[in-house]
Amino acid sequence: MHSKIALPCALLALAAAGTGCNLIFGIEPGTEAIASSSSTTTGAESGGGGSEAATSGSGGHGGAGGSDGGAPSCAPSICTAGECPVTQMPGELGRNPKGMVVTEDAVLLASGEAIISIPKDGGTARTLPGTLGFGDASWVAYSGGQLSWLNWSNGNVLGISIDPPSTSPIQIAEVPPPEEGSVYAAYGRIAAFGDSVYWVTQVPQAVWRAKADGSQSLAEQVASGGNPIGIAVDATHVYWSDLLARQILRTTTDPLGTTAEVFAETNGGPTEILLAKGVVYWVTDDTGAVQSKATDASLDAPPFTYTVDDQAVSKSIAVDDEFVYWTVYTNSTGQGEVRRARIGMGNPITLATGEPHFFEIAVDCGSIYWNINDLDADEDATVFQMPKPSN
């Protein structure tokens, strides 16, 4: 169980207080979100944007057609917000799930010892060939038809072609071994853009990158120090969250910057971040905040705030062309939630509510997907699917 690994004290803020082992989910359609203090700003700092080639700490949660572009047709939704049915995706899905992305045909889930492929059409889930036996798969990124994944316990990154399909994985790069101790990626996320993959390790506390084709054996260090967790990248910059500093930092990618600049001051300790159509989005564990900022905004511009709810543990984030979606690990009544807000606006609503530990979230053109992970237990993985509302 990952929460038992001895990690720096900064990581303790990531583990929400659980309510014990619970396998009865009883998920229901949602209603209005629990009242929270929300604020908004206007202008460039609020940003707009959707899901085109989104890159994030869990690999870029796809929007229309998934995170790798493409736009398969989706049937019109048959339900409205708060009334959409929730279904559990079938199959044996491993244990202790973490990162999750969607492709045109499947949900790809990092689940313990392998990547699990869950067909969207209800077919049988299976271990993705070529992904078993390389350690503890924890976080994933999908770009250019390639899935890249991060090993929880040593920070190594592997990859495999999804389109076209392959059963032959590559080792993208290893983190240079430290003089003393071990490397742990732990909650450090991974992102991909162009020909490179970027990721975070929490022991040592650092940001790394390597060519996605595996042409370099050792990772290049991008930055060190602080308490990095989430990561996102575009054509000019790599962005990462610093949990304890309550900041989003960035540096240039070509040439690689020698110092980091503060891109945004955040309301709470930021964890997972996402970059989509020129806007960086993030969530915080400790204040339940969801915020964003356009990449071309001035450094001193404040972020746009969708919500602040100190009774909610905001865990994971996804976007499409109209909405921001996020999971609430636990709310004020000890339940999990999927919430949504229109891009550039506040007033979030709750789309689904159930037993606690709503964890990673991903979207495609027609559905919302999320997994359940009690960080204080070691349970069978569970993934839920819900149609996007028509309104």
Protein backbone atom coordinates (compact mmCIF):
# COMPACT_ATOMS: atom_id res chain seq x y z
CA MET A 1 0.00 0.00 0.00
CA HIS A 2 1.63 3.21 -1.17
CA SER A 3 0.66 5.29 1.82
CA LYS A 4 2.95 3.13 3.95
CA ILE A 5 6.12 4.12 2.10
CA ALA A 6 8.37 6.41 4.12
CA LEU A 7 8.34 9.70 2.24
CA PRO A 8 9.15 13.33 3.09
CA CYS A 9 6.75 14.95 5.54
CA ALA A 10 5.45 17.20 2.76
CA LEU A 11 3.61 14.21 1.33
CA LEU A 12 1.49 13.79 4.41
CA ALA A 13 -0.74 16.59 3.19
CA LEU A 14 -1.73 14.40 0.26
CA ALA A 15 -3.41 11.70 2.31
CA ALA A 16 -6.93 12.73 3.19
CA ALA A 17 -8.47 11.31 6.33
CA GLY A 18 -10.30 8.19 5.15
CA THR A 19 -13.45 6.65 6.53
CA GLY A 20 -12.18 3.10 6.39
CA CYS A 21 -12.48 0.29 3.90
CA ASN A 22 -15.75 0.52 1.99
CA LEU A 23 -16.63 -1.47 -1.11
CA ILE A 24 -20.29 -0.41 -1.30
CA PHE A 25 -20.24 2.66 -3.49
CA GLY A 26 -23.92 3.52 -3.91
CA ILE A 27 -23.13 6.35 -6.33
CA GLU A 28 -26.01 8.64 -7.18
CA PRO A 29 -26.52 11.47 -9.67
CA GLY A 30 -25.56 14.79 -8.16
CA THR A 31 -27.22 18.06 -7.28
CA GLU A 32 -25.96 21.53 -6.54
CA ALA A 33 -22.48 21.48 -5.03
CA ILE A 34 -22.07 22.12 -1.35
CA ALA A 35 -21.99 25.84 -0.74
CA SER A 36 -18.49 27.20 -1.08
CA SER A 37 -16.78 30.53 -1.26
CA SER A 38 -16.10 31.26 -4.94
CA SER A 39 -14.43 34.19 -6.62
CA THR A 40 -13.77 35.08 -10.22
CA THR A 41 -11.56 37.42 -12.17
CA THR A 42 -11.87 38.75 -15.67
CA GLY A 43 -9.53 39.30 -18.55
CA ALA A 44 -6.60 37.22 -19.73
CA GLU A 45 -5.88 35.75 -16.36
CA SER A 46 -9.20 33.95 -16.28
CA GLY A 47 -8.46 32.23 -19.54
CA GLY A 48 -10.64 30.06 -21.63
CA GLY A 49 -9.75 26.86 -23.30
CA GLY A 50 -10.67 23.28 -23.77
CA SER A 51 -8.93 19.99 -24.15
CA GLU A 52 -6.84 20.12 -27.28
CA ALA A 53 -3.67 18.09 -26.67
CA ALA A 54 -4.06 18.58 -22.96
CA THR A 55 -0.99 17.63 -20.96
CA SER A 56 -1.21 17.01 -17.27
CA GLY A 57 0.00 15.16 -14.23
CA SER A 58 -1.99 12.15 -15.27
CA GLY A 59 -1.24 12.34 -18.88
CA GLY A 60 -3.68 14.83 -20.33
CA HIS A 61 -7.27 13.91 -19.77
CA GLY A 62 -8.81 13.89 -23.21
CA GLY A 63 -11.55 16.23 -24.30
CA ALA A 64 -13.24 15.87 -27.66
CA GLY A 65 -11.74 12.71 -28.95
CA GLY A 66 -9.28 12.21 -26.12
CA SER A 67 -6.03 13.85 -25.18
CA ASP A 68 -4.32 12.97 -28.42
CA GLY A 69 -6.63 14.91 -30.72
CA GLY A 70 -9.04 13.08 -32.97
CA ALA A 71 -12.78 13.67 -32.82
CA PRO A 72 -14.94 10.54 -32.95
CA SER A 73 -18.64 11.30 -33.20
CA CYS A 74 -20.55 11.06 -29.94
CA ALA A 75 -24.26 10.45 -29.66
CA PRO A 76 -26.20 13.31 -28.06
CA SER A 77 -26.59 12.97 -24.33
CA ILE A 78 -29.89 11.62 -23.09
CA CYS A 79 -29.63 13.10 -19.59
CA THR A 80 -29.34 16.42 -17.82
CA ALA A 81 -26.98 17.52 -15.06
CA GLY A 82 -27.80 15.72 -11.84
CA GLU A 83 -29.79 13.00 -13.62
CA CYS A 84 -27.19 11.12 -15.66
CA PRO A 85 -26.84 7.40 -14.83
CA VAL A 86 -23.57 6.13 -13.34
CA THR A 87 -22.30 2.68 -14.29
CA GLN A 88 -19.36 0.66 -13.02
CA MET A 89 -17.03 -0.47 -15.80
CA PRO A 90 -16.73 -4.29 -15.70
CA GLY A 91 -13.72 -6.51 -15.23
CA GLU A 92 -10.78 -7.25 -12.97
CA LEU A 93 -8.92 -3.94 -12.89
CA GLY A 94 -6.02 -4.63 -10.56
CA ARG A 95 -5.50 -2.81 -7.28
CA ASN A 96 -4.65 0.64 -5.97
CA PRO A 97 -5.36 2.60 -9.19
CA LYS A 98 -3.64 5.88 -9.98
CA GLY A 99 -3.35 7.66 -13.34
CA MET A 100 -5.92 7.21 -16.09
CA VAL A 101 -6.30 8.42 -19.70
CA VAL A 102 -8.83 7.77 -22.43
CA THR A 103 -8.18 6.84 -26.05
CA GLU A 104 -10.76 6.47 -28.80
CA ASP A 105 -11.62 2.91 -27.77
CA ALA A 106 -10.52 2.38 -24.18
CA VAL A 107 -9.77 3.72 -20.75
CA LEU A 108 -6.14 3.03 -19.83
CA LEU A 109 -5.62 2.68 -16.08
CA ALA A 110 -2.34 2.49 -14.15
CA SER A 111 -3.23 -0.16 -11.63
CA GLY A 112 -0.52 -1.73 -9.55
CA GLU A 113 1.67 -4.05 -11.58
CA ALA A 114 0.45 -3.11 -15.07
CA ILE A 115 -1.68 -0.89 -17.29
CA ILE A 116 -5.26 -2.13 -17.60
CA SER A 117 -7.17 -1.49 -20.83
CA ILE A 118 -10.94 -1.16 -20.27
CA PRO A 119 -12.99 -1.14 -23.50
CA LYS A 120 -15.52 1.65 -23.70
CA ASP A 121 -18.01 -0.65 -25.40
CA GLY A 122 -18.33 -2.84 -22.31
CA GLY A 123 -15.97 -5.57 -23.47
CA THR A 124 -13.65 -7.49 -21.19
CA ALA A 125 -10.93 -5.50 -19.45
CA ARG A 126 -7.41 -6.89 -19.89
CA THR A 127 -3.84 -6.22 -18.95
CA LEU A 128 -2.36 -4.19 -21.77
CA PRO A 129 0.22 -6.48 -23.44
CA GLY A 130 3.78 -5.41 -22.78
CA THR A 131 3.07 -3.52 -19.54
CA LEU A 132 3.26 -6.27 -16.90
CA GLY A 133 6.40 -6.99 -14.92
CA PHE A 134 8.05 -3.57 -14.84
CA GLY A 135 7.20 -2.53 -11.30
CA ASP A 136 4.42 -0.41 -9.89
CA ALA A 137 2.69 1.61 -12.64
CA SER A 138 1.38 4.80 -11.07
CA TRP A 139 0.89 7.78 -13.43
CA VAL A 140 0.39 7.94 -17.18
CA ALA A 141 0.65 10.30 -20.13
CA TYR A 142 -0.70 9.80 -23.65
CA SER A 143 0.59 11.77 -26.64
CA GLY A 144 1.29 11.04 -30.28
CA GLY A 145 -0.19 7.55 -29.99
CA GLN A 146 2.26 6.55 -27.25
CA LEU A 147 1.40 5.77 -23.65
CA SER A 148 4.15 6.65 -21.17
CA TRP A 149 3.98 5.58 -17.55
CA LEU A 150 5.88 6.28 -14.37
CA ASN A 151 7.08 3.73 -11.83
CA TRP A 152 6.04 4.69 -8.29
CA SER A 153 9.03 3.19 -6.50
CA ASN A 154 12.03 4.12 -8.65
CA GLY A 155 11.02 7.04 -10.91
CA ASN A 156 11.76 5.20 -14.15
CA VAL A 157 9.58 5.90 -17.18
CA LEU A 158 8.46 3.35 -19.78
CA GLY A 159 6.40 3.66 -22.94
CA ILE A 160 4.44 1.62 -25.42
CA SER A 161 2.73 2.43 -28.70
CA ILE A 162 -1.07 2.37 -28.55
CA ASP A 163 -1.71 3.64 -32.09
CA PRO A 164 -0.47 1.63 -33.91
CA PRO A 165 -0.69 -1.08 -31.24
CA SER A 166 2.47 -2.75 -30.01
CA THR A 167 3.38 -5.35 -27.41
CA SER A 168 6.99 -4.21 -27.16
CA PRO A 169 7.57 -1.56 -24.49
CA ILE A 170 10.59 0.71 -24.33
CA GLN A 171 12.38 2.09 -21.31
CA ILE A 172 12.29 5.82 -21.89
CA ALA A 173 14.79 6.77 -19.19
CA GLU A 174 16.00 6.13 -15.66
CA VAL A 175 16.45 8.77 -13.01
CA PRO A 176 20.18 8.99 -12.21
CA PRO A 177 20.66 7.05 -8.98
CA PRO A 178 21.47 9.26 -5.98
CA GLU A 179 24.65 8.78 -3.97
CA GLU A 180 22.56 7.69 -1.01
CA GLY A 181 19.06 6.28 -0.67
CA SER A 182 16.49 5.41 -3.31
CA VAL A 183 14.36 7.22 -5.88
CA TYR A 184 10.59 7.43 -5.43
CA ALA A 185 8.25 9.04 -7.91
CA ALA A 186 5.38 8.61 -5.43
CA TYR A 187 2.72 11.26 -6.18
CA GLY A 188 4.92 13.05 -8.72
CA ARG A 189 3.04 13.14 -12.03
CA ILE A 190 4.04 12.76 -15.69
CA ALA A 191 3.27 14.73 -18.86
CA ALA A 192 4.19 14.46 -22.53
CA PHE A 193 4.51 16.98 -25.35
CA GLY A 194 6.10 16.67 -28.78
CA ASP A 195 9.08 14.33 -28.63
CA SER A 196 9.66 14.55 -24.88
CA VAL A 197 8.28 13.26 -21.60
CA TYR A 198 8.48 15.24 -18.33
CA TRP A 199 7.93 13.92 -14.83
CA VAL A 200 8.35 14.60 -11.13
CA THR A 201 10.01 12.55 -8.40
CA GLN A 202 9.39 13.29 -4.78
CA VAL A 203 12.56 11.55 -3.57
CA PRO A 204 14.64 13.39 -4.63
CA GLN A 205 12.37 16.40 -5.03
CA ALA A 206 12.99 17.17 -8.69
CA VAL A 207 11.60 17.59 -12.21
CA TRP A 208 13.00 15.49 -15.07
CA ARG A 209 12.70 15.03 -18.81
CA ALA A 210 13.77 12.61 -21.55
CA LYS A 211 13.11 11.89 -25.20
CA ALA A 212 9.97 9.78 -25.59
CA ASP A 213 11.67 7.36 -27.99
CA GLY A 214 14.06 6.06 -25.34
CA SER A 215 17.15 7.44 -27.07
CA GLN A 216 18.70 8.65 -23.81
CA SER A 217 19.29 6.24 -20.97
CA LEU A 218 19.38 8.77 -18.13
CA ALA A 219 16.89 11.54 -17.48
CA GLU A 220 17.89 15.19 -17.64
CA GLN A 221 17.11 17.24 -14.55
CA VAL A 222 14.89 20.25 -15.23
CA ALA A 223 14.64 21.61 -11.68
CA SER A 224 15.26 20.53 -8.10
CA GLY A 225 14.06 21.42 -4.64
CA GLY A 226 10.72 22.54 -3.31
CA ASN A 227 7.83 20.10 -3.13
CA PRO A 228 6.84 19.38 -6.75
CA ILE A 229 3.86 17.15 -7.60
CA GLY A 230 1.87 18.07 -10.72
CA ILE A 231 3.41 18.79 -14.11
CA ALA A 232 2.27 20.09 -17.51
CA VAL A 233 4.09 21.21 -20.64
CA ASP A 234 3.49 23.10 -23.89
CA ALA A 235 5.66 24.22 -26.80
CA THR A 236 7.63 26.76 -24.77
CA HIS A 237 7.44 25.98 -21.04
CA VAL A 238 7.19 23.22 -18.48
CA TYR A 239 4.98 23.99 -15.48
CA TRP A 240 4.87 22.26 -12.11
CA SER A 241 3.05 22.66 -8.82
CA ASP A 242 4.84 23.21 -5.52
CA LEU A 243 2.67 21.91 -2.70
CA LEU A 244 4.13 23.71 0.30
CA ALA A 245 5.14 26.93 -1.47
CA ARG A 246 1.57 27.22 -2.82
CA GLN A 247 2.83 28.13 -6.25
CA ILE A 248 2.85 27.08 -9.89
CA LEU A 249 6.38 27.37 -11.25
CA ARG A 250 7.68 27.23 -14.80
CA THR A 251 10.80 27.35 -16.90
CA THR A 252 11.54 27.37 -20.62
CA THR A 253 12.06 24.10 -22.46
CA ASP A 254 14.19 25.16 -25.46
CA PRO A 255 16.66 26.16 -24.31
CA LEU A 256 16.09 24.63 -20.90
CA GLY A 257 15.84 27.40 -18.33
CA THR A 258 18.40 27.55 -15.55
CA THR A 259 16.02 29.08 -13.01
CA ALA A 260 12.30 28.76 -12.37
CA GLU A 261 9.88 31.67 -12.25
CA VAL A 262 6.69 31.87 -10.24
CA PHE A 263 3.84 31.62 -12.72
CA ALA A 264 0.99 31.77 -10.17
CA GLU A 265 0.35 32.03 -6.46
CA THR A 266 -2.32 29.50 -5.50
CA ASN A 267 -5.10 29.26 -2.95
CA GLY A 268 -3.88 26.23 -1.05
CA GLY A 269 -1.29 23.59 -1.84
CA PRO A 270 -1.59 22.67 -5.55
CA THR A 271 -1.28 19.03 -6.54
CA GLU A 272 -2.47 17.86 -9.98
CA ILE A 273 -2.23 20.36 -12.83
CA LEU A 274 -3.45 20.33 -16.44
CA LEU A 275 -2.63 22.43 -19.50
CA ALA A 276 -5.22 22.81 -22.25
CA LYS A 277 -5.52 25.37 -25.07
CA GLY A 278 -3.18 27.84 -23.47
CA VAL A 279 -4.57 27.62 -19.94
CA VAL A 280 -3.09 25.91 -16.88
CA TYR A 281 -5.64 24.43 -14.44
CA TRP A 282 -4.99 23.01 -10.97
CA VAL A 283 -6.62 21.66 -7.83
CA THR A 284 -5.63 21.82 -4.16
CA ASP A 285 -6.06 19.17 -1.49
CA ASP A 286 -6.17 21.39 1.55
CA THR A 287 -8.55 24.18 0.48
CA GLY A 288 -10.65 22.41 -2.14
CA ALA A 289 -9.71 25.07 -4.67
CA VAL A 290 -9.97 24.83 -8.45
CA GLN A 291 -8.11 27.56 -10.33
CA SER A 292 -6.67 28.44 -13.73
CA LYS A 293 -4.46 30.95 -15.48
CA ALA A 294 -3.71 31.61 -19.15
CA THR A 295 -0.12 30.89 -20.12
CA ASP A 296 0.21 34.29 -21.81
CA ALA A 297 -1.01 36.23 -18.76
CA SER A 298 1.48 38.42 -16.94
CA LEU A 299 3.29 36.78 -14.06
CA ASP A 300 1.71 39.12 -11.53
CA ALA A 301 -1.84 38.48 -12.79
CA PRO A 302 -3.99 36.56 -10.30
CA PRO A 303 -5.47 33.20 -11.28
CA PHE A 304 -9.14 32.66 -12.00
CA THR A 305 -10.82 30.86 -9.09
CA TYR A 306 -13.69 28.49 -9.81
CA THR A 307 -14.23 27.49 -6.22
CA VAL A 308 -12.69 27.34 -2.77
CA ASP A 309 -14.20 24.78 -0.41
CA ASP A 310 -12.18 23.93 2.67
CA GLN A 311 -14.62 21.10 3.43
CA ALA A 312 -13.68 19.33 0.18
CA VAL A 313 -10.48 17.57 -0.89
CA SER A 314 -10.19 18.36 -4.61
CA LYS A 315 -8.17 15.54 -6.14
CA SER A 316 -8.02 15.41 -9.96
CA ILE A 317 -9.00 17.67 -12.87
CA ALA A 318 -10.05 17.36 -16.54
CA VAL A 319 -11.43 19.74 -19.17
CA ASP A 320 -13.26 19.73 -22.47
CA ASP A 321 -14.27 22.59 -24.76
CA GLU A 322 -16.92 23.91 -22.36
CA PHE A 323 -16.35 22.69 -18.83
CA VAL A 324 -13.84 22.00 -16.08
CA TYR A 325 -14.44 18.71 -14.22
CA TRP A 326 -12.88 17.56 -10.99
CA THR A 327 -13.16 14.88 -8.34
CA VAL A 328 -13.70 15.50 -4.65
CA TYR A 329 -11.99 12.79 -2.62
CA THR A 330 -14.17 13.55 0.39
CA ASN A 331 -16.65 16.35 1.11
CA SER A 332 -18.06 17.72 4.37
CA THR A 333 -20.27 14.63 4.81
CA GLY A 334 -17.51 12.13 4.00
CA GLN A 335 -18.68 11.40 0.43
CA GLY A 336 -16.91 11.59 -2.91
CA GLU A 337 -18.12 13.77 -5.77
CA VAL A 338 -17.68 14.68 -9.41
CA ARG A 339 -18.13 18.42 -9.86
CA ARG A 340 -18.24 20.65 -12.92
CA ALA A 341 -18.09 24.34 -13.79
CA ARG A 342 -18.30 26.17 -17.09
CA ILE A 343 -14.89 27.41 -18.26
CA GLY A 344 -14.35 31.00 -17.21
CA MET A 345 -17.29 30.95 -14.79
CA GLY A 346 -17.89 29.94 -11.17
CA ASN A 347 -20.96 28.35 -9.59
CA PRO A 348 -19.90 24.69 -9.73
CA ILE A 349 -22.48 21.92 -9.60
CA THR A 350 -22.21 18.30 -8.49
CA LEU A 351 -22.78 15.68 -11.19
CA ALA A 352 -22.37 12.52 -9.07
CA THR A 353 -22.03 11.67 -5.39
CA GLY A 354 -21.15 8.43 -3.66
CA GLU A 355 -19.00 6.72 -1.09
CA PRO A 356 -15.64 8.46 -0.53
CA HIS A 357 -12.32 8.34 -2.36
CA PHE A 358 -13.20 9.64 -5.84
CA PHE A 359 -9.69 9.86 -7.28
CA GLU A 360 -8.48 10.32 -10.87
CA ILE A 361 -10.82 11.72 -13.54
CA ALA A 362 -10.75 11.70 -17.36
CA VAL A 363 -13.20 12.75 -20.07
CA ASP A 364 -13.83 12.14 -23.74
CA CYS A 365 -16.38 13.67 -26.11
CA GLY A 366 -19.31 11.81 -24.57
CA SER A 367 -18.46 10.53 -21.09
CA ILE A 368 -16.82 11.23 -17.73
CA TYR A 369 -14.71 8.53 -16.08
CA TRP A 370 -13.27 8.33 -12.58
CA ASN A 371 -11.65 5.75 -10.36
CA ILE A 372 -11.85 5.02 -6.65
CA ASN A 373 -8.74 4.82 -4.49
CA ASP A 374 -8.77 4.69 -0.70
CA LEU A 375 -5.22 5.79 0.05
CA ASP A 376 -5.42 4.15 3.48
CA ALA A 377 -6.34 0.72 2.10
CA ASP A 378 -5.37 -1.71 -0.66
CA GLU A 379 -8.59 -2.47 -2.49
CA ASP A 380 -9.61 -3.76 -5.89
CA ALA A 381 -9.62 -1.00 -8.49
CA THR A 382 -12.99 0.41 -9.54
CA VAL A 383 -13.79 2.73 -12.47
CA PHE A 384 -17.09 4.48 -13.07
CA GLN A 385 -18.51 6.02 -16.23
CA MET A 386 -21.24 8.62 -16.66
CA PRO A 387 -22.60 10.32 -19.80
CA LYS A 388 -21.86 13.99 -20.06
CA PRO A 389 -25.02 15.97 -19.37
CA SER A 390 -26.77 17.68 -22.27
CA ASN A 391 -26.86 21.00 -20.42
